[in-house]
Amino acid sequence: MYKMDKSIVKLMSHEEAENENRFSPETSLAERLGQAWYLTCMAYGIDPEQPPKMDKTIFSMRKHAQ
């Protein structure tokens, strides 16, 4: 599980901050998606290890009439 280190603070310009937050070329797609999933879970208060199940009772499927 990721933890945010709040002891590191660095003052920088907007351009420096934008370049600092970009992914490095060495970061794999799987790692990027994992980080995005973690941030999404933190924003919505979801447990990353136990995501809620999708409610499939709302939708129904039927054949398209020709």
Foldseek 3Di string as FASTA:
>chain_A
DDDDDPVDDDDDDPVVVVVVPDDDPVDDPVNVVVVVLVVVCVVVVADSVDGDDDDPPVDDDDDDDD
